[in-house]
Amino acid sequence: MTEQHFSNRTRQLRNLIVMAMADGQIGEREVAYVAERCHELGLGETELHHAIRFGLGDDAALELPTAPAERDALMVDLVRMMAADGVLDENEKRLFALAAAKMELSTEHLNQLLDKTLE
């Protein structure tokens, strides 16, 4: 795995933690989703601990990718994280909307991603 690829995966994991913490707490199903994604991303316990520390820090914020495929992957992961605990919190929805706006995703593209994710 190249350093850039590893960095992108680490960023994805940190972003999941930031979304999980958006409502001020992280539930059991959210923890399970983060652990599953950590494994799927090929990251280990050390990276998970760093991501959690980042997400709990005062400077925690989404780190938005620039590549279109990475943007789509982030939005899919954020939707899944928001849905993991079965409650769509207002802070989570705002964070999701802010990320979509900052990445200049069209409503049509966002709807396609949501449809694909929620199938």
C-alpha atoms as a PDB file:
ATOM      1  CA  MET A   1       0.000   0.000   0.000  1.00  0.00           C
ATOM      2  CA  THR A   2       1.430   3.376  -0.968  1.00  0.00           C
ATOM      3  CA  GLU A   3       1.775   6.140   1.595  1.00  0.00           C
ATOM      4  CA  GLN A   4      -0.908   8.205  -0.202  1.00  0.00           C
ATOM      5  CA  HIS A   5      -3.329   5.279  -0.291  1.00  0.00           C
ATOM      6  CA  PHE A   6      -2.729   4.648   3.425  1.00  0.00           C
ATOM      7  CA  SER A   7      -3.247   8.346   4.156  1.00  0.00           C
ATOM      8  CA  ASN A   8      -6.555   8.365   2.232  1.00  0.00           C
ATOM      9  CA  ARG A   9      -7.795   5.344   4.180  1.00  0.00           C
ATOM     10  CA  THR A  10      -6.742   6.909   7.475  1.00  0.00           C
ATOM     11  CA  ARG A  11      -8.571  10.123   6.537  1.00  0.00           C
ATOM     12  CA  GLN A  12     -11.689   8.089   5.716  1.00  0.00           C
ATOM     13  CA  LEU A  13     -11.579   6.446   9.136  1.00  0.00           C
ATOM     14  CA  ARG A  14     -11.118   9.787  10.918  1.00  0.00           C
ATOM     15  CA  ASN A  15     -14.076  11.194   8.987  1.00  0.00           C
ATOM     16  CA  LEU A  16     -16.244   8.309  10.169  1.00  0.00           C
ATOM     17  CA  ILE A  17     -15.312   9.048  13.780  1.00  0.00           C
ATOM     18  CA  VAL A  18     -16.090  12.748  13.315  1.00  0.00           C
ATOM     19  CA  MET A  19     -19.548  11.858  11.961  1.00  0.00           C
ATOM     20  CA  ALA A  20     -20.113   9.301  14.724  1.00  0.00           C
ATOM     21  CA  MET A  21     -19.344  11.968  17.323  1.00  0.00           C
ATOM     22  CA  ALA A  22     -21.471  14.672  15.656  1.00  0.00           C
ATOM     23  CA  ASP A  23     -24.401  13.907  17.941  1.00  0.00           C
ATOM     24  CA  GLY A  24     -22.176  13.980  21.033  1.00  0.00           C
ATOM     25  CA  GLN A  25     -22.073  10.233  21.629  1.00  0.00           C
ATOM     26  CA  ILE A  26     -21.050   7.043  19.909  1.00  0.00           C
ATOM     27  CA  GLY A  27     -23.318   4.047  20.274  1.00  0.00           C
ATOM     28  CA  GLU A  28     -22.631   0.343  20.062  1.00  0.00           C
ATOM     29  CA  ARG A  29     -23.809   0.014  16.447  1.00  0.00           C
ATOM     30  CA  GLU A  30     -21.702   3.004  15.423  1.00  0.00           C
ATOM     31  CA  VAL A  31     -18.661   1.436  17.082  1.00  0.00           C
ATOM     32  CA  ALA A  32     -19.396  -1.804  15.221  1.00  0.00           C
ATOM     33  CA  TYR A  33     -19.618   0.048  11.894  1.00  0.00           C
ATOM     34  CA  VAL A  34     -16.357   1.914  12.528  1.00  0.00           C
ATOM     35  CA  ALA A  35     -14.587  -1.332  13.467  1.00  0.00           C
ATOM     36  CA  GLU A  36     -15.932  -3.049  10.352  1.00  0.00           C
ATOM     37  CA  ARG A  37     -14.832  -0.198   8.088  1.00  0.00           C
ATOM     38  CA  CYS A  38     -11.424  -0.064   9.786  1.00  0.00           C
ATOM     39  CA  HIS A  39     -10.928  -3.716   8.892  1.00  0.00           C
ATOM     40  CA  GLU A  40     -12.245  -3.222   5.328  1.00  0.00           C
ATOM     41  CA  LEU A  41      -9.871  -0.290   4.861  1.00  0.00           C
ATOM     42  CA  GLY A  42      -6.961  -2.508   5.858  1.00  0.00           C
ATOM     43  CA  LEU A  43      -6.177  -0.442   8.939  1.00  0.00           C
ATOM     44  CA  GLY A  44      -5.273  -1.744  12.367  1.00  0.00           C
ATOM     45  CA  GLU A  45      -5.839  -0.988  16.004  1.00  0.00           C
ATOM     46  CA  THR A  46      -3.197   1.754  16.073  1.00  0.00           C
ATOM     47  CA  GLU A  47      -4.911   3.688  13.270  1.00  0.00           C
ATOM     48  CA  LEU A  48      -8.275   3.197  14.960  1.00  0.00           C
ATOM     49  CA  HIS A  49      -6.936   4.630  18.232  1.00  0.00           C
ATOM     50  CA  HIS A  50      -5.455   7.623  16.395  1.00  0.00           C
ATOM     51  CA  ALA A  51      -8.742   8.204  14.568  1.00  0.00           C
ATOM     52  CA  ILE A  52     -10.699   8.095  17.825  1.00  0.00           C
ATOM     53  CA  ARG A  53      -8.276  10.507  19.467  1.00  0.00           C
ATOM     54  CA  PHE A  54      -8.643  12.816  16.459  1.00  0.00           C
ATOM     55  CA  GLY A  55     -12.459  12.603  16.601  1.00  0.00           C
ATOM     56  CA  LEU A  56     -12.499  13.447  20.298  1.00  0.00           C
ATOM     57  CA  GLY A  57     -10.137  16.388  19.898  1.00  0.00           C
ATOM     58  CA  ASP A  58     -11.110  20.049  19.895  1.00  0.00           C
ATOM     59  CA  ASP A  59      -9.997  20.405  16.267  1.00  0.00           C
ATOM     60  CA  ALA A  60     -11.994  17.445  14.953  1.00  0.00           C
ATOM     61  CA  ALA A  61     -13.464  18.213  11.541  1.00  0.00           C
ATOM     62  CA  LEU A  62     -14.171  16.388   8.332  1.00  0.00           C
ATOM     63  CA  GLU A  63     -11.203  16.251   5.991  1.00  0.00           C
ATOM     64  CA  LEU A  64     -12.731  16.390   2.540  1.00  0.00           C
ATOM     65  CA  PRO A  65     -11.080  14.541  -0.334  1.00  0.00           C
ATOM     66  CA  THR A  66     -10.645  16.093  -3.763  1.00  0.00           C
ATOM     67  CA  ALA A  67     -10.854  13.028  -6.016  1.00  0.00           C
ATOM     68  CA  PRO A  68     -14.425  12.318  -7.195  1.00  0.00           C
ATOM     69  CA  ALA A  69     -14.322   8.603  -6.304  1.00  0.00           C
ATOM     70  CA  GLU A  70     -13.049   9.413  -2.802  1.00  0.00           C
ATOM     71  CA  ARG A  71     -15.770  12.036  -2.373  1.00  0.00           C
ATOM     72  CA  ASP A  72     -18.435   9.514  -3.320  1.00  0.00           C
ATOM     73  CA  ALA A  73     -16.951   6.919  -0.965  1.00  0.00           C
ATOM     74  CA  LEU A  74     -16.940   9.466   1.859  1.00  0.00           C
ATOM     75  CA  MET A  75     -20.573  10.423   1.332  1.00  0.00           C
ATOM     76  CA  VAL A  76     -21.647   6.753   1.226  1.00  0.00           C
ATOM     77  CA  ASP A  77     -19.741   6.081   4.439  1.00  0.00           C
ATOM     78  CA  LEU A  78     -21.230   9.154   6.113  1.00  0.00           C
ATOM     79  CA  VAL A  79     -24.765   8.064   5.215  1.00  0.00           C
ATOM     80  CA  ARG A  80     -24.098   4.593   6.596  1.00  0.00           C
ATOM     81  CA  MET A  81     -22.614   6.059   9.765  1.00  0.00           C
ATOM     82  CA  MET A  82     -25.603   8.368  10.237  1.00  0.00           C
ATOM     83  CA  ALA A  83     -27.959   5.414   9.850  1.00  0.00           C
ATOM     84  CA  ALA A  84     -25.928   3.015  12.017  1.00  0.00           C
ATOM     85  CA  ASP A  85     -27.676   3.886  15.266  1.00  0.00           C
ATOM     86  CA  GLY A  86     -31.108   4.182  13.686  1.00  0.00           C
ATOM     87  CA  VAL A  87     -31.409   7.891  14.546  1.00  0.00           C
ATOM     88  CA  LEU A  88     -30.726  10.731  12.110  1.00  0.00           C
ATOM     89  CA  ASP A  89     -29.579  13.476  14.454  1.00  0.00           C
ATOM     90  CA  GLU A  90     -29.847  17.114  13.324  1.00  0.00           C
ATOM     91  CA  ASN A  91     -26.116  17.681  13.892  1.00  0.00           C
ATOM     92  CA  GLU A  92     -25.320  14.679  11.700  1.00  0.00           C
ATOM     93  CA  LYS A  93     -27.605  15.961   8.952  1.00  0.00           C
ATOM     94  CA  ARG A  94     -26.011  19.409   9.125  1.00  0.00           C
ATOM     95  CA  LEU A  95     -22.503  17.944   8.951  1.00  0.00           C
ATOM     96  CA  PHE A  96     -23.505  15.804   5.968  1.00  0.00           C
ATOM     97  CA  ALA A  97     -25.086  18.784   4.181  1.00  0.00           C
ATOM     98  CA  LEU A  98     -22.039  20.947   4.881  1.00  0.00           C
ATOM     99  CA  ALA A  99     -19.704  18.284   3.465  1.00  0.00           C
ATOM    100  CA  ALA A 100     -21.856  17.964   0.329  1.00  0.00           C
ATOM    101  CA  ALA A 101     -21.920  21.729  -0.140  1.00  0.00           C
ATOM    102  CA  LYS A 102     -18.166  22.161   0.418  1.00  0.00           C
ATOM    103  CA  MET A 103     -17.466  19.429  -2.152  1.00  0.00           C
ATOM    104  CA  GLU A 104     -19.975  21.091  -4.506  1.00  0.00           C
ATOM    105  CA  LEU A 105     -21.975  17.909  -5.047  1.00  0.00           C
ATOM    106  CA  SER A 106     -25.126  18.477  -7.045  1.00  0.00           C
ATOM    107  CA  THR A 107     -28.476  17.515  -5.578  1.00  0.00           C
ATOM    108  CA  GLU A 108     -28.939  15.013  -8.393  1.00  0.00           C
ATOM    109  CA  HIS A 109     -25.572  13.354  -7.720  1.00  0.00           C
ATOM    110  CA  LEU A 110     -26.230  13.331  -3.985  1.00  0.00           C
ATOM    111  CA  ASN A 111     -29.633  11.704  -4.533  1.00  0.00           C
ATOM    112  CA  GLN A 112     -28.000   9.041  -6.727  1.00  0.00           C
ATOM    113  CA  LEU A 113     -25.500   8.294  -3.950  1.00  0.00           C
ATOM    114  CA  LEU A 114     -28.263   8.146  -1.353  1.00  0.00           C
ATOM    115  CA  ASP A 115     -30.357   5.800  -3.508  1.00  0.00           C
ATOM    116  CA  LYS A 116     -27.359   3.549  -4.118  1.00  0.00           C
ATOM    117  CA  THR A 117     -26.448   3.525  -0.431  1.00  0.00           C
ATOM    118  CA  LEU A 118     -29.931   2.893   0.928  1.00  0.00           C
ATOM    119  CA  GLU A 119     -30.900   0.132  -1.538  1.00  0.00           C
END
